[in-house]
Amino acid sequence: MCSLQELRVMVYHGGKVERAALGIGAGTLGERCGRWRCLGREVAMDAACAGGAEPIRDELLDKLVTEVRTGMAPNKPTADIRKIGFIGLGIMGKPMAKNLLKAGYTLVVNDLNRDAVGALEEAGAASAGSAREVAAQTDMVITMLPNSPEVKEVMLGDDGVLAGAKPGQVVVDMSSIAPLVSRELAKTAAERDVYLLDAPVSGGEPKAIDGTLAIMVGGDEEAFRAVEGILGKMGASVVLVGEPGSGNTTKLANQVIVALNIAGMSEAMVLARKAGVDPQKVYEAIRGGLAGSTVLDAKMPKVLDGDFKPGFRIELHIKDLMNALETGHELGSPTLLTSQVCEYMQMLKAEDKGADDHGGLIQFFEKLAGTEVRHMDRHTDW
């Protein structure tokens, strides 16, 4: 039989309980316990108990009804947020945290890089020695970390966020990680009465600096509404796209599209250059038509200048494409073009170009063609 806490967790994650059996209206259930589906008087065991589904004892249902009616299950998301924890102060995290300071929020920060922490302290933030301390000292926590293993360690470690988080606290992971990991972390957080949203971003360092990122969010709607305004201080677009993990699924789709855009731009501009046409003129001619895009406008001027200083590094884009490939394999969704472009990037990484901006993907095509796409007064044919 399930415990009351297990029942709470399953209900919170969309467990199936007959509404009439609880003797309570659907609206109240939706407000208090998340999403309910009336598919018989059983709760799906996948969230907490292995081995199929088991009947729920009447006394557990009675206790759950009492909790729902008195507002005890689960705690509502903390809405009065004045003090924010920020963990991860890299190329993206540092300017994002600074924008929150500019907006008037009190920040407590943490990062392995002491120079990055010092820069935020100079800007007015306080610092903490661990993720656990960050969570304990703040009303909500934001993380911006490289990949799934780092996020899991920061969330689940002995000195992790969940070890210090309070009931009802909202944790927003803005890292780009595997959707499955996001879903698992959200379930673990819910067991501790903590709301975890996955909210990866798009736009690179320039948009992180000016606060105009695109932010795609997965998770509980009420928790999202509690922090939507705060996310808006870092992004021009903040959209709740669905359940836990859906933010990172959306980010994978974004990264696939961006990678294929850069690859298409690269192949086309190398073709134009080999034909003897000025790539600057080609860019000017096509940018206002159907081939024009945000990617083209962001990357082509830098390519023409030979500027591959990282806004978003090739090695990080490889990580995102690998997550996309893994997710596609799990779902049986074809990722043929993604696989090809990922291999092109891997080849550049093997040539010590992994730290270049992902617009540097054009170097793969240039090498094959024996030319460079630059301003005509500085181009090279090999």
Protein backbone atom coordinates (compact mmCIF):
# COMPACT_ATOMS: atom_id res chain seq x y z
CA MET A 1 0.00 0.00 0.00
CA CYS A 2 1.08 3.59 -0.62
CA SER A 3 1.90 6.10 2.09
CA LEU A 4 0.17 9.45 2.25
CA GLN A 5 3.33 11.18 1.08
CA GLU A 6 3.60 8.87 -1.93
CA LEU A 7 -0.03 9.59 -2.73
CA ARG A 8 0.63 13.32 -2.54
CA VAL A 9 3.54 13.02 -4.95
CA MET A 10 1.58 10.93 -7.43
CA VAL A 11 -1.38 13.28 -7.31
CA TYR A 12 0.92 16.24 -7.83
CA HIS A 13 2.37 14.61 -10.94
CA GLY A 14 -0.98 13.90 -12.54
CA GLY A 15 -2.04 10.76 -10.70
CA LYS A 16 -5.44 9.32 -11.52
CA VAL A 17 -8.03 9.42 -8.73
CA GLU A 18 -11.78 9.34 -9.14
CA ARG A 19 -13.01 12.85 -8.42
CA ALA A 20 -16.30 11.72 -6.91
CA ALA A 21 -14.49 9.44 -4.49
CA LEU A 22 -12.85 12.47 -2.94
CA GLY A 23 -16.13 14.34 -2.67
CA ILE A 24 -14.53 17.58 -3.84
CA GLY A 25 -14.85 19.80 -6.88
CA ALA A 26 -12.50 19.60 -9.83
CA GLY A 27 -11.62 23.29 -9.57
CA THR A 28 -10.39 22.93 -6.01
CA LEU A 29 -8.40 19.85 -6.92
CA GLY A 30 -6.77 21.69 -9.80
CA GLU A 31 -5.87 24.65 -7.60
CA ARG A 32 -4.45 22.59 -4.75
CA CYS A 33 -2.91 19.48 -6.23
CA GLY A 34 -2.12 20.05 -9.87
CA ARG A 35 -3.63 18.05 -12.72
CA TRP A 36 -6.26 15.36 -12.06
CA ARG A 37 -7.71 12.79 -14.41
CA CYS A 38 -10.88 10.83 -13.66
CA LEU A 39 -9.91 7.37 -14.86
CA GLY A 40 -11.12 5.20 -12.00
CA ARG A 41 -10.44 5.02 -8.30
CA GLU A 42 -6.76 4.15 -8.56
CA VAL A 43 -3.54 6.16 -8.56
CA ALA A 44 -0.82 5.36 -11.09
CA MET A 45 2.19 3.99 -9.24
CA ASP A 46 4.88 5.02 -11.71
CA ALA A 47 5.86 8.14 -9.75
CA ALA A 48 6.55 6.45 -6.42
CA CYS A 49 5.87 2.71 -6.37
CA ALA A 50 7.10 0.09 -8.82
CA GLY A 51 4.90 -2.76 -9.88
CA GLY A 52 1.82 -1.34 -11.54
CA ALA A 53 -1.10 0.19 -9.64
CA GLU A 54 -2.55 -0.61 -6.24
CA PRO A 55 -5.88 0.38 -4.73
CA ILE A 56 -5.70 3.36 -2.38
CA ARG A 57 -7.12 2.77 1.08
CA ASP A 58 -10.14 4.85 2.10
CA GLU A 59 -8.29 6.40 5.06
CA LEU A 60 -5.58 7.74 2.76
CA LEU A 61 -8.18 9.30 0.52
CA ASP A 62 -9.84 10.83 3.58
CA LYS A 63 -6.53 12.34 4.69
CA LEU A 64 -5.87 13.69 1.22
CA VAL A 65 -9.32 15.29 1.09
CA THR A 66 -8.63 16.94 4.45
CA GLU A 67 -5.32 18.27 3.21
CA VAL A 68 -6.85 19.59 0.00
CA ARG A 69 -9.67 21.34 1.85
CA THR A 70 -7.33 22.95 4.39
CA GLY A 71 -4.70 23.97 1.85
CA MET A 72 -2.03 21.64 3.22
CA ALA A 73 -1.23 19.64 0.08
CA PRO A 74 1.07 20.72 -1.32
CA ASN A 75 2.42 24.09 -0.15
CA LYS A 76 1.71 26.83 -2.64
CA PRO A 77 4.71 28.31 -4.43
CA THR A 78 6.41 31.15 -2.58
CA ALA A 79 5.13 34.30 -4.27
CA ASP A 80 6.72 37.08 -2.19
CA ILE A 81 10.22 36.83 -3.64
CA ARG A 82 12.76 39.47 -2.70
CA LYS A 83 15.97 37.50 -2.24
CA ILE A 84 17.18 35.28 -5.09
CA GLY A 85 19.92 32.66 -5.13
CA PHE A 86 21.96 32.34 -8.34
CA ILE A 87 24.29 29.39 -8.91
CA GLY A 88 26.49 29.33 -12.02
CA LEU A 89 28.19 32.56 -13.12
CA GLY A 90 29.67 31.66 -16.49
CA ILE A 91 29.35 33.42 -19.85
CA MET A 92 25.56 33.39 -19.56
CA GLY A 93 24.96 33.28 -15.81
CA LYS A 94 27.04 36.32 -14.87
CA PRO A 95 25.17 38.88 -17.03
CA MET A 96 21.83 37.29 -16.15
CA ALA A 97 22.57 37.66 -12.44
CA LYS A 98 23.69 41.26 -12.97
CA ASN A 99 20.37 42.05 -14.65
CA LEU A 100 18.54 40.83 -11.55
CA LEU A 101 20.69 43.11 -9.41
CA LYS A 102 19.89 46.01 -11.73
CA ALA A 103 16.19 45.20 -11.31
CA GLY A 104 16.54 45.70 -7.55
CA TYR A 105 16.59 42.13 -6.27
CA THR A 106 18.91 40.99 -3.50
CA LEU A 107 21.19 38.20 -4.72
CA VAL A 108 23.14 35.42 -3.03
CA VAL A 109 25.51 33.79 -5.53
CA ASN A 110 27.71 30.70 -5.75
CA ASP A 111 30.20 29.45 -8.32
CA LEU A 112 33.41 27.43 -8.38
CA ASN A 113 35.11 30.40 -10.09
CA ARG A 114 36.04 32.85 -7.34
CA ASP A 115 36.72 35.63 -9.86
CA ALA A 116 33.15 35.37 -11.13
CA VAL A 117 31.80 35.45 -7.57
CA GLY A 118 34.01 38.47 -6.83
CA ALA A 119 32.64 40.33 -9.84
CA LEU A 120 29.08 39.84 -8.58
CA GLU A 121 30.07 40.84 -5.06
CA GLU A 122 31.49 44.08 -6.46
CA ALA A 123 28.14 44.63 -8.20
CA GLY A 124 26.30 44.26 -4.88
CA ALA A 125 25.56 40.55 -4.44
CA ALA A 126 26.33 38.46 -1.38
CA SER A 127 27.91 35.02 -1.71
CA ALA A 128 27.46 31.63 -0.05
CA GLY A 129 29.82 28.69 0.30
CA SER A 130 27.47 26.01 -1.05
CA ALA A 131 24.27 25.47 -3.02
CA ARG A 132 22.61 24.36 0.21
CA GLU A 133 23.43 27.68 1.87
CA VAL A 134 22.17 29.58 -1.17
CA ALA A 135 18.78 27.83 -0.96
CA ALA A 136 18.52 28.26 2.80
CA GLN A 137 19.18 32.00 2.60
CA THR A 138 16.87 32.91 -0.29
CA ASP A 139 13.24 32.90 -1.45
CA MET A 140 13.96 31.22 -4.80
CA VAL A 141 16.99 29.71 -6.54
CA ILE A 142 18.20 29.95 -10.15
CA THR A 143 20.85 27.62 -11.56
CA MET A 144 22.78 28.11 -14.82
CA LEU A 145 25.18 25.20 -15.25
CA PRO A 146 26.96 23.38 -18.12
CA ASN A 147 25.15 20.02 -18.36
CA SER A 148 23.07 17.32 -16.67
CA PRO A 149 25.78 15.89 -14.35
CA GLU A 150 26.55 19.32 -12.88
CA VAL A 151 22.87 20.10 -12.39
CA LYS A 152 22.22 16.77 -10.65
CA GLU A 153 25.17 17.30 -8.31
CA VAL A 154 24.14 20.85 -7.44
CA MET A 155 20.51 19.82 -6.87
CA LEU A 156 20.90 16.44 -5.16
CA GLY A 157 24.28 16.53 -3.42
CA ASP A 158 24.65 16.59 0.36
CA ASP A 159 25.32 20.33 0.09
CA GLY A 160 22.88 20.73 -2.80
CA VAL A 161 19.92 22.99 -3.38
CA LEU A 162 17.28 20.50 -2.26
CA ALA A 163 19.13 19.91 1.02
CA GLY A 164 18.58 23.57 1.90
CA ALA A 165 15.31 24.33 0.13
CA LYS A 166 12.14 25.20 2.06
CA PRO A 167 8.60 23.91 1.42
CA GLY A 168 6.97 25.89 -1.36
CA GLN A 169 10.28 27.29 -2.63
CA VAL A 170 10.64 27.61 -6.41
CA VAL A 171 13.88 26.46 -8.04
CA VAL A 172 14.45 27.44 -11.68
CA ASP A 173 17.09 25.50 -13.58
CA MET A 174 18.04 27.59 -16.62
CA SER A 175 20.71 25.15 -17.80
CA SER A 176 20.32 23.30 -21.10
CA ILE A 177 20.16 19.62 -20.11
CA ALA A 178 18.45 16.37 -21.09
CA PRO A 179 14.64 16.60 -20.71
CA LEU A 180 14.53 13.24 -18.92
CA VAL A 181 16.86 14.58 -16.22
CA SER A 182 14.65 17.65 -15.81
CA ARG A 183 11.61 15.44 -15.27
CA GLU A 184 13.42 13.26 -12.73
CA LEU A 185 14.64 16.29 -10.78
CA ALA A 186 11.16 17.83 -10.76
CA LYS A 187 9.74 14.62 -9.24
CA THR A 188 12.45 14.51 -6.60
CA ALA A 189 11.86 18.17 -5.76
CA ALA A 190 8.11 17.62 -5.48
CA GLU A 191 8.68 14.84 -2.94
CA ARG A 192 10.29 17.53 -0.77
CA ASP A 193 7.48 20.01 -1.45
CA VAL A 194 9.72 22.13 -3.70
CA TYR A 195 8.76 23.35 -7.19
CA LEU A 196 11.40 22.86 -9.88
CA LEU A 197 11.01 24.51 -13.28
CA ASP A 198 13.27 23.86 -16.25
CA ALA A 199 13.80 27.15 -18.07
CA PRO A 200 16.64 27.04 -20.63
CA VAL A 201 17.39 30.12 -22.69
CA SER A 202 18.28 31.11 -26.23
CA GLY A 203 20.06 34.20 -27.47
CA GLY A 204 23.67 33.77 -26.40
CA GLU A 205 25.85 36.17 -24.46
CA PRO A 206 24.70 39.40 -26.21
CA LYS A 207 21.07 38.82 -25.26
CA ALA A 208 22.06 37.66 -21.78
CA ILE A 209 23.83 40.99 -21.33
CA ASP A 210 20.96 43.17 -22.56
CA GLY A 211 18.25 41.06 -20.91
CA THR A 212 16.44 40.01 -24.07
CA LEU A 213 16.81 36.22 -23.93
CA ALA A 214 14.10 33.84 -25.09
CA ILE A 215 13.15 31.72 -22.08
CA MET A 216 11.20 28.46 -22.50
CA VAL A 217 9.76 26.98 -19.32
CA GLY A 218 8.48 23.56 -18.27
CA GLY A 219 6.74 22.80 -14.99
CA ASP A 220 3.91 23.75 -12.64
CA GLU A 221 1.83 26.70 -13.87
CA GLU A 222 1.30 28.25 -10.45
CA ALA A 223 5.04 28.14 -9.75
CA PHE A 224 5.67 29.68 -13.16
CA ARG A 225 3.29 32.55 -12.44
CA ALA A 226 5.09 33.19 -9.15
CA VAL A 227 8.44 33.76 -10.92
CA GLU A 228 7.36 34.93 -14.39
CA GLY A 229 8.09 38.58 -13.63
CA ILE A 230 11.56 37.74 -12.36
CA LEU A 231 12.37 35.74 -15.48
CA GLY A 232 11.17 38.72 -17.47
CA LYS A 233 14.06 40.76 -16.07
CA MET A 234 16.40 38.46 -17.98
CA GLY A 235 14.37 37.79 -21.12
CA ALA A 236 12.21 39.51 -23.70
CA SER A 237 10.17 36.33 -24.19
CA VAL A 238 9.10 34.04 -21.33
CA VAL A 239 6.78 31.19 -22.32
CA LEU A 240 5.43 28.26 -20.30
CA VAL A 241 5.42 25.43 -22.84
CA GLY A 242 4.19 22.51 -20.73
CA GLU A 243 5.03 19.92 -18.08
CA PRO A 244 8.44 19.34 -16.44
CA GLY A 245 11.06 18.64 -19.09
CA SER A 246 9.20 20.43 -21.87
CA GLY A 247 11.32 23.55 -21.50
CA ASN A 248 14.43 21.55 -22.30
CA THR A 249 12.66 19.69 -25.10
CA THR A 250 11.85 23.07 -26.61
CA LYS A 251 15.48 24.14 -26.18
CA LEU A 252 16.65 21.03 -28.03
CA ALA A 253 14.33 21.92 -30.92
CA ASN A 254 15.74 25.46 -30.85
CA GLN A 255 19.33 24.22 -30.92
CA VAL A 256 18.65 21.85 -33.80
CA ILE A 257 17.14 24.70 -35.83
CA VAL A 258 20.02 27.07 -35.00
CA ALA A 259 22.67 24.47 -35.89
CA LEU A 260 21.01 23.65 -39.20
CA ASN A 261 20.65 27.37 -39.97
CA ILE A 262 24.36 27.93 -39.40
CA ALA A 263 25.23 24.88 -41.51
CA GLY A 264 22.98 26.05 -44.35
CA MET A 265 24.43 29.57 -44.20
CA SER A 266 27.95 28.14 -44.22
CA GLU A 267 27.43 25.85 -47.20
CA ALA A 268 25.68 28.56 -49.22
CA MET A 269 28.24 31.28 -48.53
CA VAL A 270 31.18 29.01 -49.35
CA LEU A 271 29.43 28.17 -52.64
CA ALA A 272 29.01 31.87 -53.43
CA ARG A 273 32.64 32.62 -52.60
CA LYS A 274 33.91 29.74 -54.79
CA ALA A 275 31.81 31.18 -57.62
CA GLY A 276 33.63 34.49 -57.22
CA VAL A 277 30.72 36.46 -55.76
CA ASP A 278 31.30 38.87 -52.88
CA PRO A 279 29.76 37.18 -49.78
CA GLN A 280 29.00 40.58 -48.24
CA LYS A 281 26.86 41.42 -51.27
CA VAL A 282 25.18 38.00 -51.14
CA TYR A 283 24.31 38.59 -47.49
CA GLU A 284 22.89 42.04 -48.22
CA ALA A 285 20.83 40.68 -51.11
CA ILE A 286 19.21 37.76 -49.27
CA ARG A 287 18.79 38.97 -45.69
CA GLY A 288 15.48 40.69 -46.45
CA GLY A 289 13.99 37.68 -48.21
CA LEU A 290 12.85 34.22 -47.15
CA ALA A 291 16.42 33.11 -46.48
CA GLY A 292 16.87 35.92 -43.96
CA SER A 293 16.88 34.95 -40.29
CA THR A 294 18.01 36.01 -36.85
CA VAL A 295 20.80 33.46 -37.13
CA LEU A 296 21.99 34.91 -40.46
CA ASP A 297 22.04 38.45 -39.07
CA ALA A 298 23.81 37.40 -35.86
CA LYS A 299 26.50 35.20 -37.43
CA MET A 300 27.25 36.43 -40.96
CA PRO A 301 28.81 39.81 -40.01
CA LYS A 302 31.16 38.02 -37.59
CA VAL A 303 32.09 35.43 -40.21
CA LEU A 304 32.96 38.19 -42.67
CA ASP A 305 35.22 39.74 -40.03
CA GLY A 306 36.79 36.36 -39.21
CA ASP A 307 35.58 36.86 -35.63
CA PHE A 308 34.93 33.54 -33.91
CA LYS A 309 35.22 34.74 -30.33
CA PRO A 310 32.61 32.71 -28.42
CA GLY A 311 29.13 33.94 -27.80
CA PHE A 312 28.07 30.30 -27.70
CA ARG A 313 30.89 27.78 -28.01
CA ILE A 314 30.93 24.94 -30.52
CA GLU A 315 31.61 22.44 -27.72
CA LEU A 316 28.45 23.54 -25.89
CA HIS A 317 26.39 23.25 -29.05
CA ILE A 318 27.74 19.73 -29.48
CA LYS A 319 26.45 18.95 -25.97
CA ASP A 320 22.97 20.19 -26.90
CA LEU A 321 22.92 18.25 -30.16
CA MET A 322 24.04 15.10 -28.36
CA ASN A 323 21.10 15.55 -25.97
CA ALA A 324 18.83 16.00 -28.99
CA LEU A 325 20.17 12.81 -30.57
CA GLU A 326 19.72 10.85 -27.34
CA THR A 327 16.17 12.15 -26.92
CA GLY A 328 15.35 11.40 -30.55
CA HIS A 329 16.61 7.83 -30.16
CA GLU A 330 14.53 7.35 -27.00
CA LEU A 331 11.39 8.60 -28.74
CA GLY A 332 11.98 7.01 -32.14
CA SER A 333 12.15 10.43 -33.80
CA PRO A 334 14.55 10.80 -36.78
CA THR A 335 17.50 13.17 -36.27
CA LEU A 336 19.37 12.68 -39.54
CA LEU A 337 20.43 16.28 -40.19
CA THR A 338 21.23 16.85 -36.53
CA SER A 339 23.56 13.87 -36.59
CA GLN A 340 25.43 15.20 -39.61
CA VAL A 341 25.92 18.72 -38.26
CA CYS A 342 26.98 17.35 -34.89
CA GLU A 343 29.73 15.38 -36.65
CA TYR A 344 30.92 18.52 -38.46
CA MET A 345 31.20 20.26 -35.11
CA GLN A 346 33.00 17.28 -33.60
CA MET A 347 35.60 17.51 -36.36
CA LEU A 348 36.23 21.17 -35.56
CA LYS A 349 36.53 20.33 -31.87
CA ALA A 350 39.16 17.73 -32.76
CA GLU A 351 41.08 20.57 -34.43
CA ASP A 352 41.04 22.56 -31.17
CA LYS A 353 38.23 24.84 -32.35
CA GLY A 354 35.70 23.69 -29.76
CA ALA A 355 35.99 27.01 -27.91
CA ASP A 356 35.15 29.00 -31.07
CA ASP A 357 31.71 30.50 -31.50
CA HIS A 358 29.29 28.11 -33.19
CA GLY A 359 29.26 30.47 -36.16
CA GLY A 360 32.76 29.09 -36.70
CA LEU A 361 31.10 25.98 -38.12
CA ILE A 362 31.71 27.64 -41.49
CA GLN A 363 35.40 26.74 -41.09
CA PHE A 364 34.50 23.09 -41.75
CA PHE A 365 33.02 23.98 -45.15
CA GLU A 366 35.84 26.44 -45.91
CA LYS A 367 38.45 23.77 -45.36
CA LEU A 368 36.69 21.34 -47.71
CA ALA A 369 36.36 24.02 -50.41
CA GLY A 370 39.83 25.52 -49.95
CA THR A 371 38.60 29.07 -49.45
CA GLU A 372 37.50 31.55 -46.79
CA VAL A 373 34.31 33.60 -46.60
CA ARG A 374 35.58 37.04 -45.58
CA HIS A 375 35.34 40.60 -46.78
CA MET A 376 36.75 40.68 -50.32
CA ASP A 377 39.74 42.76 -49.28
CA ARG A 378 40.93 40.08 -46.89
CA HIS A 379 39.77 36.71 -48.31
CA THR A 380 42.02 33.75 -48.90
CA ASP A 381 41.93 30.94 -51.44
CA TRP A 382 44.07 27.93 -50.50
